[in-house]
Every structure is written in C-alpha cells, then in structure tokens.
C-alpha cells in the first residue's frame, strides 16, 4: 500500500475503517495506521472521535515539537 496524503484523504473516510464499541462513552476510532510526519518520523497511530466535548476526529498520539502528520497508510498485519 502507498502513503496517503492527509490533505487528500483521512482514515475515517474509508469505509470499514471505523471501530465502534458497544459502550456509549467510548470514542469511535479507526483501525491501526502507520503514519509519517513532516520530520520523517514513522510510527503506528490511529484517529479517534470523542463522543462528548468537541466530537472532532483527532490523532491519538501527538509528536514532539508539534510534528505534523503528513501521510498515513493502513496497518497490514502480516499474520
């Protein structure tokens, strides 16, 4: 799979990529992702949407110095 630019598409817009729990207080979240920041950091992450408060989608993990995530791809489990 190739990197997807966050300006072109975000993970939560892909059909079947949202994990919903049965608990009404838990956030919705995407499946596990691999992300790339503007400084070249590569790591796993996911996006989540809280069900209270702002109710906006956000990256779960932030990066040192406010590195911005620029690209992402779905995590493909090799098993």
Protein backbone atom coordinates (compact mmCIF):
# COMPACT_ATOMS: atom_id res chain seq x y z
CA UNK A 1 0.00 0.00 0.00
CA UNK A 2 1.18 3.53 -0.71
CA UNK A 3 1.27 6.56 1.58
CA UNK A 4 -1.89 8.68 1.52
CA UNK A 5 -1.51 12.43 1.98
CA UNK A 6 -3.69 13.77 4.82
CA UNK A 7 -4.71 16.63 2.52
CA UNK A 8 -6.16 14.10 0.07
CA UNK A 9 -7.97 11.73 2.44
CA UNK A 10 -8.22 10.93 6.16
CA UNK A 11 -8.52 7.39 7.54
CA UNK A 12 -12.01 7.83 8.96
CA UNK A 13 -13.40 8.44 5.46
CA UNK A 14 -12.55 4.90 4.31
CA UNK A 15 -15.48 2.51 4.50
CA UNK A 16 -14.92 -0.28 7.02
CA UNK A 17 -12.05 1.51 8.77
CA UNK A 18 -14.04 2.63 11.86
CA UNK A 19 -14.10 0.56 15.05
CA UNK A 20 -17.20 1.13 17.18
CA UNK A 21 -17.56 -0.18 20.69
CA UNK A 22 -20.72 -1.17 22.49
CA UNK A 23 -20.03 1.33 25.29
CA UNK A 24 -21.77 4.63 24.55
CA UNK A 25 -18.98 6.54 26.35
CA UNK A 26 -16.05 5.09 24.41
CA UNK A 27 -14.79 7.00 21.39
CA UNK A 28 -15.06 5.78 17.85
CA UNK A 29 -11.66 5.10 16.35
CA UNK A 30 -10.01 3.97 13.16
CA UNK A 31 -8.16 0.74 12.72
CA UNK A 32 -4.41 0.83 13.40
CA UNK A 33 -2.41 3.01 10.99
CA UNK A 34 1.19 3.73 10.09
CA UNK A 35 1.89 7.46 9.94
CA UNK A 36 4.67 9.68 8.60
CA UNK A 37 5.39 13.17 9.98
CA UNK A 38 6.94 16.18 8.31
CA UNK A 39 10.21 15.40 10.14
CA UNK A 40 10.33 11.82 8.86
CA UNK A 41 9.06 10.08 12.00
CA UNK A 42 7.27 6.82 11.20
CA UNK A 43 5.11 5.13 13.84
CA UNK A 44 1.78 3.48 14.49
CA UNK A 45 -1.20 5.61 15.40
CA UNK A 46 -4.94 5.89 14.85
CA UNK A 47 -7.58 8.58 14.76
CA UNK A 48 -10.35 8.85 17.30
CA UNK A 49 -13.55 10.79 17.75
CA UNK A 50 -14.72 11.51 21.25
CA UNK A 51 -18.44 11.16 21.85
CA UNK A 52 -18.55 14.13 24.25
CA UNK A 53 -16.93 17.57 24.10
CA UNK A 54 -15.64 18.71 20.73
CA UNK A 55 -16.67 15.49 18.94
CA UNK A 56 -13.94 16.03 16.35
CA UNK A 57 -11.63 13.43 14.79
CA UNK A 58 -8.04 13.75 16.05
CA UNK A 59 -4.82 11.76 16.00
CA UNK A 60 -4.45 9.64 19.15
CA UNK A 61 -0.72 10.23 19.56
CA UNK A 62 0.95 13.64 19.22
CA UNK A 63 4.62 14.07 18.34
CA UNK A 64 7.46 16.01 19.94
CA UNK A 65 7.71 19.62 18.84
CA UNK A 66 4.24 19.50 17.33
CA UNK A 67 5.40 17.48 14.32
CA UNK A 68 2.53 17.34 11.89
CA UNK A 69 1.38 14.06 10.39
CA UNK A 70 1.55 14.40 6.62
CA UNK A 71 0.87 10.87 5.37
CA UNK A 72 -0.67 7.62 6.56
CA UNK A 73 -1.39 4.07 5.43
CA UNK A 74 -3.45 1.21 6.79
CA UNK A 75 -1.52 -1.17 9.03
CA UNK A 76 -1.48 -4.58 7.43
CA UNK A 77 -0.92 -7.38 9.92
CA UNK A 78 1.50 -9.88 8.32
CA UNK A 79 -0.22 -12.83 10.06
